Amino acid sequence: MKLKITLISILFLIVSLGDIYAVLSSNRSLEIFFKPLIIVALTVLYILHVRKVNIWYVLALFFSFLGDFLLLFPQRFFVFGLLSFLITHVILIKIMLSFLSSVKKKTILFSSLCYGAYFAVIFLIIKDGLGTLMIPVLIYGMVISIMGIVSFLNFYENKRATENIWLLVGASVFILSDSILAVNKFYKSSMFLGVAIMITYIIAQYVIYKGMVIKSGSK
């Protein structure tokens, strides 16, 4: 089993680096090949690694895979890709809420102000370029902000739990990745931002995976 985990881990690293290279070199064919494999490898890695599979998390990975595929063709399927990742974040919110027992109101207020202020800044930067996508992007931004808030509440409830740190970092980096994507698409596009999107996205997915492995119990 350890050998399988090691091999899939190497595969995950290879396809991740392959996709980053594809974006860096503007090689569309390579990107179409490598990008969907990132989540496939991570899903297999998770299933091999844990004693009890969290079906909700596997479902979140499926919608991430679907979102990755759809966003390979942004001119046609951007809204559908956005919807797929919206579902991913709703599922992750559900998962992290299940880890919570009780939270103080002042903690909710503090985290809401932090993530809400961050979302407001990003929205103000990109709003002029949104056009007809303003409402979908606004809804998406609110949902991913809620994911950040819940991840912070989950962390704050038990600061010593390593898995909660992983989930907080993963959710926050996911928000960063989506923020860069929004700026790149609706404000100012650049190759540097395209690479930054993929690097932060891969890190976010891997870090959340690490947290979920600990929560699910590794073999």
Protein backbone atom coordinates (compact mmCIF):
# COMPACT_ATOMS: atom_id res chain seq x y z
CA MET A 1 0.00 0.00 0.00
CA LYS A 2 2.83 2.40 0.86
CA LEU A 3 4.34 1.76 -2.56
CA LYS A 4 1.04 2.60 -4.26
CA ILE A 5 0.72 5.81 -2.24
CA THR A 6 4.28 6.76 -3.14
CA LEU A 7 3.72 6.10 -6.85
CA ILE A 8 0.45 8.07 -6.95
CA SER A 9 2.12 10.89 -5.01
CA ILE A 10 4.84 11.02 -7.67
CA LEU A 11 2.14 10.96 -10.37
CA PHE A 12 0.35 13.87 -8.66
CA LEU A 13 3.61 15.84 -8.61
CA ILE A 14 4.33 15.05 -12.28
CA VAL A 15 0.89 16.06 -13.56
CA SER A 16 0.93 19.20 -11.38
CA LEU A 17 4.32 20.29 -12.72
CA GLY A 18 3.20 19.30 -16.22
CA ASP A 19 0.17 21.56 -15.99
CA ILE A 20 2.19 24.47 -14.60
CA TYR A 21 4.66 24.03 -17.48
CA ALA A 22 1.76 23.90 -19.96
CA VAL A 23 0.41 27.21 -18.67
CA LEU A 24 3.88 28.75 -18.60
CA SER A 25 4.59 27.69 -22.20
CA SER A 26 1.01 28.41 -23.39
CA ASN A 27 0.78 24.80 -24.60
CA ARG A 28 -2.97 24.22 -24.81
CA SER A 29 -2.72 20.53 -25.71
CA LEU A 30 -0.55 19.76 -22.69
CA GLU A 31 -2.84 21.74 -20.42
CA ILE A 32 -5.91 19.80 -21.63
CA PHE A 33 -4.01 16.57 -20.92
CA PHE A 34 -2.50 17.40 -17.52
CA LYS A 35 -5.05 19.59 -15.77
CA PRO A 36 -7.87 17.03 -15.28
CA LEU A 37 -5.33 14.47 -14.03
CA ILE A 38 -4.45 16.62 -11.00
CA ILE A 39 -7.72 15.91 -9.20
CA VAL A 40 -7.86 12.32 -10.49
CA ALA A 41 -4.46 11.62 -8.89
CA LEU A 42 -5.45 13.40 -5.68
CA THR A 43 -8.70 11.42 -5.43
CA VAL A 44 -6.90 8.10 -5.86
CA LEU A 45 -4.30 9.22 -3.33
CA TYR A 46 -7.01 10.08 -0.79
CA ILE A 47 -8.89 6.79 -1.23
CA LEU A 48 -5.67 4.77 -0.85
CA HIS A 49 -4.55 6.79 2.17
CA VAL A 50 -7.56 6.67 4.51
CA ARG A 51 -9.25 3.99 6.60
CA LYS A 52 -12.73 5.42 6.07
CA VAL A 53 -13.51 7.41 2.92
CA ASN A 54 -15.50 10.62 3.38
CA ILE A 55 -17.96 10.38 0.49
CA TRP A 56 -18.75 14.09 0.67
CA TYR A 57 -15.09 14.96 0.17
CA VAL A 58 -14.84 12.59 -2.82
CA LEU A 59 -17.91 14.34 -4.22
CA ALA A 60 -16.18 17.71 -3.72
CA LEU A 61 -13.18 16.38 -5.64
CA PHE A 62 -15.46 15.19 -8.44
CA PHE A 63 -16.96 18.66 -8.87
CA SER A 64 -13.45 20.13 -8.77
CA PHE A 65 -12.47 17.76 -11.57
CA LEU A 66 -15.58 18.77 -13.52
CA GLY A 67 -14.82 22.46 -12.93
CA ASP A 68 -11.23 22.00 -14.10
CA PHE A 69 -12.41 20.35 -17.30
CA LEU A 70 -15.08 22.96 -18.06
CA LEU A 71 -12.72 25.87 -17.39
CA LEU A 72 -10.37 24.51 -20.03
CA PHE A 73 -12.94 25.99 -22.43
CA PRO A 74 -13.80 29.29 -20.68
CA GLN A 75 -15.45 30.97 -23.65
CA ARG A 76 -18.17 28.30 -23.79
CA PHE A 77 -18.37 26.81 -20.33
CA PHE A 78 -17.13 29.42 -17.84
CA VAL A 79 -20.48 29.71 -16.01
CA PHE A 80 -20.76 25.91 -15.78
CA GLY A 81 -17.19 25.69 -14.47
CA LEU A 82 -18.04 28.38 -11.93
CA LEU A 83 -21.12 26.40 -10.89
CA SER A 84 -19.07 23.22 -10.47
CA PHE A 85 -16.62 24.94 -8.15
CA LEU A 86 -19.52 26.63 -6.34
CA ILE A 87 -20.86 23.15 -5.56
CA THR A 88 -17.35 22.10 -4.47
CA HIS A 89 -17.22 24.95 -1.96
CA VAL A 90 -20.74 24.27 -0.66
CA ILE A 91 -19.74 20.65 -0.01
CA LEU A 92 -16.52 21.73 1.73
CA ILE A 93 -18.56 24.12 3.88
CA LYS A 94 -20.86 21.23 4.83
CA ILE A 95 -17.87 19.04 5.71
CA MET A 96 -16.24 21.67 7.90
CA LEU A 97 -19.53 22.59 9.59
CA SER A 98 -19.85 18.94 10.63
CA PHE A 99 -16.58 19.31 12.55
CA LEU A 100 -17.91 22.27 14.57
CA SER A 101 -19.70 21.98 17.90
CA SER A 102 -20.05 25.48 19.35
CA VAL A 103 -18.60 28.85 18.36
CA LYS A 104 -18.64 32.25 20.04
CA LYS A 105 -20.49 35.06 18.30
CA LYS A 106 -17.47 37.37 18.46
CA THR A 107 -15.40 34.77 16.57
CA ILE A 108 -18.05 34.60 13.86
CA LEU A 109 -18.10 38.40 13.66
CA PHE A 110 -14.30 38.69 13.48
CA SER A 111 -13.88 36.05 10.75
CA SER A 112 -16.84 37.46 8.78
CA LEU A 113 -15.31 40.93 8.82
CA CYS A 114 -11.90 39.64 7.67
CA TYR A 115 -13.10 37.48 4.79
CA GLY A 116 -15.91 39.88 3.93
CA ALA A 117 -13.50 42.81 3.67
CA TYR A 118 -11.15 40.79 1.47
CA PHE A 119 -14.00 39.81 -0.86
CA ALA A 120 -15.18 43.43 -1.03
CA VAL A 121 -11.71 44.61 -2.12
CA ILE A 122 -11.45 41.96 -4.87
CA PHE A 123 -14.99 42.70 -6.05
CA LEU A 124 -14.28 46.42 -6.30
CA ILE A 125 -11.19 45.69 -8.41
CA ILE A 126 -12.98 43.44 -10.91
CA LYS A 127 -16.57 44.79 -10.94
CA ASP A 128 -16.17 46.97 -14.05
CA GLY A 129 -15.14 43.96 -16.12
CA LEU A 130 -17.87 41.57 -14.97
CA GLY A 131 -20.67 42.64 -17.30
CA THR A 132 -23.47 40.05 -17.33
CA LEU A 133 -21.48 37.81 -14.98
CA MET A 134 -21.74 40.20 -12.04
CA ILE A 135 -24.47 38.27 -10.21
CA PRO A 136 -22.92 34.77 -10.69
CA VAL A 137 -19.51 36.05 -9.59
CA LEU A 138 -21.05 37.89 -6.63
CA ILE A 139 -22.80 34.72 -5.47
CA TYR A 140 -19.64 32.66 -5.99
CA GLY A 141 -17.56 35.17 -4.04
CA MET A 142 -19.99 35.11 -1.14
CA VAL A 143 -19.98 31.30 -1.00
CA ILE A 144 -16.20 30.98 -1.08
CA SER A 145 -15.96 33.69 1.60
CA ILE A 146 -18.30 31.60 3.76
CA MET A 147 -15.98 28.64 3.22
CA GLY A 148 -13.11 30.77 4.52
CA ILE A 149 -15.16 31.88 7.52
CA VAL A 150 -16.17 28.31 8.41
CA SER A 151 -12.58 27.07 8.04
CA PHE A 152 -11.45 29.80 10.45
CA LEU A 153 -14.20 28.90 12.95
CA ASN A 154 -13.21 25.25 12.67
CA PHE A 155 -9.58 26.18 13.33
CA TYR A 156 -10.36 28.56 16.19
CA GLU A 157 -12.45 25.96 18.01
CA ASN A 158 -9.41 23.73 18.37
CA LYS A 159 -6.15 25.48 17.54
CA ARG A 160 -4.08 22.44 18.47
CA ALA A 161 -5.69 20.17 15.89
CA THR A 162 -3.27 19.86 12.98
CA GLU A 163 -6.02 18.94 10.54
CA ASN A 164 -7.88 22.19 11.26
CA ILE A 165 -4.75 24.18 10.45
CA TRP A 166 -4.46 22.33 7.14
CA LEU A 167 -8.10 23.04 6.31
CA LEU A 168 -7.80 26.73 7.20
CA VAL A 169 -4.67 27.17 5.08
CA GLY A 170 -6.18 25.17 2.22
CA ALA A 171 -9.41 27.18 2.19
CA SER A 172 -7.53 30.49 2.40
CA VAL A 173 -5.16 29.56 -0.45
CA PHE A 174 -8.19 28.41 -2.48
CA ILE A 175 -9.71 31.86 -1.99
CA LEU A 176 -6.41 33.42 -3.04
CA SER A 177 -6.31 31.26 -6.18
CA ASP A 178 -9.87 32.22 -7.15
CA SER A 179 -9.06 35.87 -6.47
CA ILE A 180 -6.10 35.74 -8.84
CA LEU A 181 -8.30 34.00 -11.43
CA ALA A 182 -10.91 36.75 -11.11
CA VAL A 183 -8.32 39.51 -11.49
CA ASN A 184 -6.75 37.70 -14.45
CA LYS A 185 -10.09 37.23 -16.24
CA PHE A 186 -11.97 40.41 -15.38
CA TYR A 187 -9.30 43.05 -14.71
CA LYS A 188 -5.90 42.42 -16.29
CA SER A 189 -4.70 39.20 -17.89
CA SER A 190 -1.09 38.03 -17.81
CA MET A 191 0.88 34.80 -18.10
CA PHE A 192 2.31 35.38 -14.61
CA LEU A 193 -1.18 35.45 -13.13
CA GLY A 194 -2.12 32.31 -15.08
CA VAL A 195 0.81 30.43 -13.54
CA ALA A 196 0.03 31.85 -10.09
CA ILE A 197 -3.56 30.59 -10.40
CA MET A 198 -2.43 27.02 -10.99
CA ILE A 199 0.28 27.01 -8.34
CA THR A 200 -2.06 28.30 -5.64
CA TYR A 201 -4.88 26.02 -6.82
CA ILE A 202 -2.69 22.90 -6.63
CA ILE A 203 -1.38 23.91 -3.20
CA ALA A 204 -4.93 24.56 -1.95
CA GLN A 205 -6.26 21.21 -3.14
CA TYR A 206 -3.28 19.33 -1.71
CA VAL A 207 -3.42 21.08 1.67
CA ILE A 208 -7.17 20.41 2.01
CA TYR A 209 -6.45 16.78 1.07
CA LYS A 210 -3.87 16.59 3.89
CA GLY A 211 -6.41 17.90 6.38
CA MET A 212 -9.06 15.44 5.19
CA VAL A 213 -6.64 12.50 5.43
CA ILE A 214 -6.02 13.33 9.08
CA LYS A 215 -9.76 13.78 9.72
CA SER A 216 -10.64 10.52 7.96
CA GLY A 217 -7.82 8.60 9.61
CA SER A 218 -4.84 7.42 7.59
CA LYS A 219 -4.06 3.72 7.13
